[in-house]
Amino acid sequence: MTENKTRPTEASVADILAGVEPARKRDDALALDRLFRRVTGWQPRLWGPSIIGYGAYHYVYDSGREGDFLATGFSPRKTSLVVYIMPGYADFGDILARLGKHKLGKSCLYINKLADIDESVLEALIRAGLDDLATRWPVSPS
């Protein structure tokens, strides 16, 4: 069985955040870090080269595949801020309707800049995602 490509690393989250360009995106990334810390109560850990994760969970699928993954987090990518809610956004349409300008992937929320959204709604979305994940798998600080 193949292992997850995205695994926790020992790299410095502070260094990753400090290197985000341009400055506006760095400011947004630092604000997201504060928001995630406040909502989760957890310290961040870098997963792979660019995902800043908060908490983790261990999963075991019916197929026997198992692994560990971040519970929630974000990545300050060049084109947008990517927010990760596990296991996805399917049940959060009512919250997303109040969020503001965004695009969706399966477990990814794409935001161009924080000024485009209501941060209090994003906080509610992160909390709802963690609560939903905890009904499937035990979630813990990473």
C-alpha atoms as a PDB file:
ATOM      1  CA  MET A   1       0.000   0.000   0.000  1.00  0.00           C
ATOM      2  CA  THR A   2       1.271   3.474  -0.823  1.00  0.00           C
ATOM      3  CA  GLU A   3       1.922   6.014   1.911  1.00  0.00           C
ATOM      4  CA  ASN A   4       0.499   9.516   2.008  1.00  0.00           C
ATOM      5  CA  LYS A   5       2.646  12.009   0.141  1.00  0.00           C
ATOM      6  CA  THR A   6       1.631  14.752   2.559  1.00  0.00           C
ATOM      7  CA  ARG A   7       3.224  14.065   5.924  1.00  0.00           C
ATOM      8  CA  PRO A   8       4.206  16.234   8.871  1.00  0.00           C
ATOM      9  CA  THR A   9       7.690  17.725   8.732  1.00  0.00           C
ATOM     10  CA  GLU A  10       9.983  19.412  11.218  1.00  0.00           C
ATOM     11  CA  ALA A  11      10.236  22.577   9.099  1.00  0.00           C
ATOM     12  CA  SER A  12       9.475  25.890  10.780  1.00  0.00           C
ATOM     13  CA  VAL A  13       5.959  27.229  10.252  1.00  0.00           C
ATOM     14  CA  ALA A  14       7.239  30.712  11.184  1.00  0.00           C
ATOM     15  CA  ASP A  15       9.860  30.517   8.417  1.00  0.00           C
ATOM     16  CA  ILE A  16       7.265  29.416   5.865  1.00  0.00           C
ATOM     17  CA  LEU A  17       4.933  32.272   6.851  1.00  0.00           C
ATOM     18  CA  ALA A  18       7.771  34.818   6.794  1.00  0.00           C
ATOM     19  CA  GLY A  19       8.637  33.774   3.234  1.00  0.00           C
ATOM     20  CA  VAL A  20       5.170  34.251   1.760  1.00  0.00           C
ATOM     21  CA  GLU A  21       5.140  36.811  -1.063  1.00  0.00           C
ATOM     22  CA  PRO A  22       3.775  39.332  -1.786  1.00  0.00           C
ATOM     23  CA  ALA A  23       3.473  41.166   1.523  1.00  0.00           C
ATOM     24  CA  ARG A  24      -0.355  41.344   1.317  1.00  0.00           C
ATOM     25  CA  LYS A  25      -0.539  37.554   1.031  1.00  0.00           C
ATOM     26  CA  ARG A  26       1.923  37.201   3.934  1.00  0.00           C
ATOM     27  CA  ASP A  27      -0.294  39.438   6.082  1.00  0.00           C
ATOM     28  CA  ASP A  28      -3.308  37.297   5.183  1.00  0.00           C
ATOM     29  CA  ALA A  29      -1.364  34.100   5.960  1.00  0.00           C
ATOM     30  CA  LEU A  30      -0.304  35.461   9.361  1.00  0.00           C
ATOM     31  CA  ALA A  31      -3.913  36.463  10.077  1.00  0.00           C
ATOM     32  CA  LEU A  32      -5.102  32.965   9.090  1.00  0.00           C
ATOM     33  CA  ASP A  33      -2.514  31.424  11.421  1.00  0.00           C
ATOM     34  CA  ARG A  34      -3.864  33.515  14.318  1.00  0.00           C
ATOM     35  CA  LEU A  35      -7.440  32.575  13.378  1.00  0.00           C
ATOM     36  CA  PHE A  36      -6.689  28.831  13.213  1.00  0.00           C
ATOM     37  CA  ARG A  37      -4.795  28.936  16.520  1.00  0.00           C
ATOM     38  CA  ARG A  38      -7.723  30.741  18.155  1.00  0.00           C
ATOM     39  CA  VAL A  39     -10.374  28.379  16.765  1.00  0.00           C
ATOM     40  CA  THR A  40      -8.484  25.114  17.335  1.00  0.00           C
ATOM     41  CA  GLY A  41      -6.357  25.960  20.370  1.00  0.00           C
ATOM     42  CA  TRP A  42      -3.517  24.026  18.684  1.00  0.00           C
ATOM     43  CA  GLN A  43      -0.045  24.936  17.525  1.00  0.00           C
ATOM     44  CA  PRO A  44       0.567  24.595  13.789  1.00  0.00           C
ATOM     45  CA  ARG A  45       2.775  22.015  12.133  1.00  0.00           C
ATOM     46  CA  LEU A  46       3.985  21.978   8.550  1.00  0.00           C
ATOM     47  CA  TRP A  47       2.644  19.121   6.413  1.00  0.00           C
ATOM     48  CA  GLY A  48       4.583  18.593   3.228  1.00  0.00           C
ATOM     49  CA  PRO A  49       6.319  21.657   1.858  1.00  0.00           C
ATOM     50  CA  SER A  50       3.502  24.186   2.233  1.00  0.00           C
ATOM     51  CA  ILE A  51       0.424  23.093   4.226  1.00  0.00           C
ATOM     52  CA  ILE A  52       0.118  24.572   7.706  1.00  0.00           C
ATOM     53  CA  GLY A  53      -1.915  22.069   9.693  1.00  0.00           C
ATOM     54  CA  TYR A  54      -3.675  22.219  13.050  1.00  0.00           C
ATOM     55  CA  GLY A  55      -4.424  18.940  14.750  1.00  0.00           C
ATOM     56  CA  ALA A  56      -4.357  15.496  13.182  1.00  0.00           C
ATOM     57  CA  TYR A  57      -6.395  12.339  12.892  1.00  0.00           C
ATOM     58  CA  HIS A  58      -5.672   8.701  12.184  1.00  0.00           C
ATOM     59  CA  TYR A  59      -7.971   6.988   9.705  1.00  0.00           C
ATOM     60  CA  VAL A  60      -8.555   3.371   8.739  1.00  0.00           C
ATOM     61  CA  TYR A  61     -10.652   2.751   5.644  1.00  0.00           C
ATOM     62  CA  ASP A  62     -12.705  -0.387   4.987  1.00  0.00           C
ATOM     63  CA  SER A  63     -10.080  -1.303   2.362  1.00  0.00           C
ATOM     64  CA  GLY A  64      -7.468  -1.527   5.130  1.00  0.00           C
ATOM     65  CA  ARG A  65      -5.628   1.598   4.015  1.00  0.00           C
ATOM     66  CA  GLU A  66      -4.743   3.756   6.994  1.00  0.00           C
ATOM     67  CA  GLY A  67      -2.749   6.840   7.752  1.00  0.00           C
ATOM     68  CA  ASP A  68      -2.520  10.166   9.493  1.00  0.00           C
ATOM     69  CA  PHE A  69      -3.544  13.551   8.143  1.00  0.00           C
ATOM     70  CA  LEU A  70      -4.004  17.117   9.305  1.00  0.00           C
ATOM     71  CA  ALA A  71      -7.367  17.879  10.858  1.00  0.00           C
ATOM     72  CA  THR A  72      -7.614  21.361   9.355  1.00  0.00           C
ATOM     73  CA  GLY A  73      -5.287  23.992   8.014  1.00  0.00           C
ATOM     74  CA  PHE A  74      -4.315  26.187   5.118  1.00  0.00           C
ATOM     75  CA  SER A  75      -1.694  26.817   2.485  1.00  0.00           C
ATOM     76  CA  PRO A  76      -0.711  30.293   1.286  1.00  0.00           C
ATOM     77  CA  ARG A  77      -0.384  29.457  -2.413  1.00  0.00           C
ATOM     78  CA  LYS A  78       0.629  31.924  -5.121  1.00  0.00           C
ATOM     79  CA  THR A  79      -2.827  32.271  -6.632  1.00  0.00           C
ATOM     80  CA  SER A  80      -4.974  31.950  -3.507  1.00  0.00           C
ATOM     81  CA  LEU A  81      -5.202  30.977   0.120  1.00  0.00           C
ATOM     82  CA  VAL A  82      -6.294  27.342   0.293  1.00  0.00           C
ATOM     83  CA  VAL A  83      -8.219  26.264   3.411  1.00  0.00           C
ATOM     84  CA  TYR A  84      -8.526  22.554   4.160  1.00  0.00           C
ATOM     85  CA  ILE A  85     -11.595  21.194   5.904  1.00  0.00           C
ATOM     86  CA  MET A  86     -11.679  17.432   6.318  1.00  0.00           C
ATOM     87  CA  PRO A  87     -13.591  15.442   5.164  1.00  0.00           C
ATOM     88  CA  GLY A  88     -15.021  18.155   2.909  1.00  0.00           C
ATOM     89  CA  TYR A  89     -17.633  20.860   2.492  1.00  0.00           C
ATOM     90  CA  ALA A  90     -20.684  18.796   1.507  1.00  0.00           C
ATOM     91  CA  ASP A  91     -22.738  19.557   4.615  1.00  0.00           C
ATOM     92  CA  PHE A  92     -21.776  23.210   5.060  1.00  0.00           C
ATOM     93  CA  GLY A  93     -23.786  24.991   2.365  1.00  0.00           C
ATOM     94  CA  ASP A  94     -25.560  27.210   4.880  1.00  0.00           C
ATOM     95  CA  ILE A  95     -22.238  28.455   6.285  1.00  0.00           C
ATOM     96  CA  LEU A  96     -20.633  28.817   2.850  1.00  0.00           C
ATOM     97  CA  ALA A  97     -23.562  30.936   1.678  1.00  0.00           C
ATOM     98  CA  ARG A  98     -22.574  33.553   4.288  1.00  0.00           C
ATOM     99  CA  LEU A  99     -18.787  33.341   3.771  1.00  0.00           C
ATOM    100  CA  GLY A 100     -18.217  35.718   0.860  1.00  0.00           C
ATOM    101  CA  LYS A 101     -16.233  35.315  -2.344  1.00  0.00           C
ATOM    102  CA  HIS A 102     -14.669  31.841  -2.618  1.00  0.00           C
ATOM    103  CA  LYS A 103     -14.320  28.741  -4.793  1.00  0.00           C
ATOM    104  CA  LEU A 104     -14.612  25.124  -3.707  1.00  0.00           C
ATOM    105  CA  GLY A 105     -12.784  21.881  -4.328  1.00  0.00           C
ATOM    106  CA  LYS A 106     -13.595  18.591  -2.589  1.00  0.00           C
ATOM    107  CA  SER A 107     -11.804  19.404   0.673  1.00  0.00           C
ATOM    108  CA  CYS A 108     -10.339  22.744  -0.380  1.00  0.00           C
ATOM    109  CA  LEU A 109     -11.709  26.245  -0.092  1.00  0.00           C
ATOM    110  CA  TYR A 110      -9.988  28.833  -2.294  1.00  0.00           C
ATOM    111  CA  ILE A 111      -9.911  32.450  -1.140  1.00  0.00           C
ATOM    112  CA  ASN A 112      -8.133  35.197  -3.065  1.00  0.00           C
ATOM    113  CA  LYS A 113      -7.756  37.471  -0.044  1.00  0.00           C
ATOM    114  CA  LEU A 114      -9.207  37.656   3.467  1.00  0.00           C
ATOM    115  CA  ALA A 115     -10.903  40.961   2.644  1.00  0.00           C
ATOM    116  CA  ASP A 116     -13.216  38.949   0.334  1.00  0.00           C
ATOM    117  CA  ILE A 117     -14.742  36.924   3.177  1.00  0.00           C
ATOM    118  CA  ASP A 118     -16.320  37.244   6.606  1.00  0.00           C
ATOM    119  CA  GLU A 119     -13.671  35.895   8.988  1.00  0.00           C
ATOM    120  CA  SER A 120     -16.223  35.089  11.700  1.00  0.00           C
ATOM    121  CA  VAL A 121     -18.006  32.830   9.197  1.00  0.00           C
ATOM    122  CA  LEU A 122     -14.669  31.175   8.357  1.00  0.00           C
ATOM    123  CA  GLU A 123     -14.186  30.532  12.087  1.00  0.00           C
ATOM    124  CA  ALA A 124     -17.615  28.861  12.226  1.00  0.00           C
ATOM    125  CA  LEU A 125     -16.724  26.785   9.167  1.00  0.00           C
ATOM    126  CA  ILE A 126     -13.443  25.572  10.675  1.00  0.00           C
ATOM    127  CA  ARG A 127     -15.202  24.640  13.919  1.00  0.00           C
ATOM    128  CA  ALA A 128     -17.988  22.834  12.037  1.00  0.00           C
ATOM    129  CA  GLY A 129     -15.421  20.947   9.971  1.00  0.00           C
ATOM    130  CA  LEU A 130     -13.535  19.811  13.074  1.00  0.00           C
ATOM    131  CA  ASP A 131     -16.755  18.793  14.800  1.00  0.00           C
ATOM    132  CA  ASP A 132     -17.814  16.804  11.731  1.00  0.00           C
ATOM    133  CA  LEU A 133     -14.403  15.140  11.413  1.00  0.00           C
ATOM    134  CA  ALA A 134     -14.514  14.134  15.096  1.00  0.00           C
ATOM    135  CA  THR A 135     -17.711  12.150  14.438  1.00  0.00           C
ATOM    136  CA  ARG A 136     -15.684   9.940  12.044  1.00  0.00           C
ATOM    137  CA  TRP A 137     -12.183   9.766  13.559  1.00  0.00           C
ATOM    138  CA  PRO A 138     -10.547  10.842  16.822  1.00  0.00           C
ATOM    139  CA  VAL A 139      -8.940  14.262  16.350  1.00  0.00           C
ATOM    140  CA  SER A 140      -6.000  15.429  18.468  1.00  0.00           C
ATOM    141  CA  PRO A 141      -3.333  18.136  18.541  1.00  0.00           C
ATOM    142  CA  SER A 142      -0.544  17.147  16.153  1.00  0.00           C
END
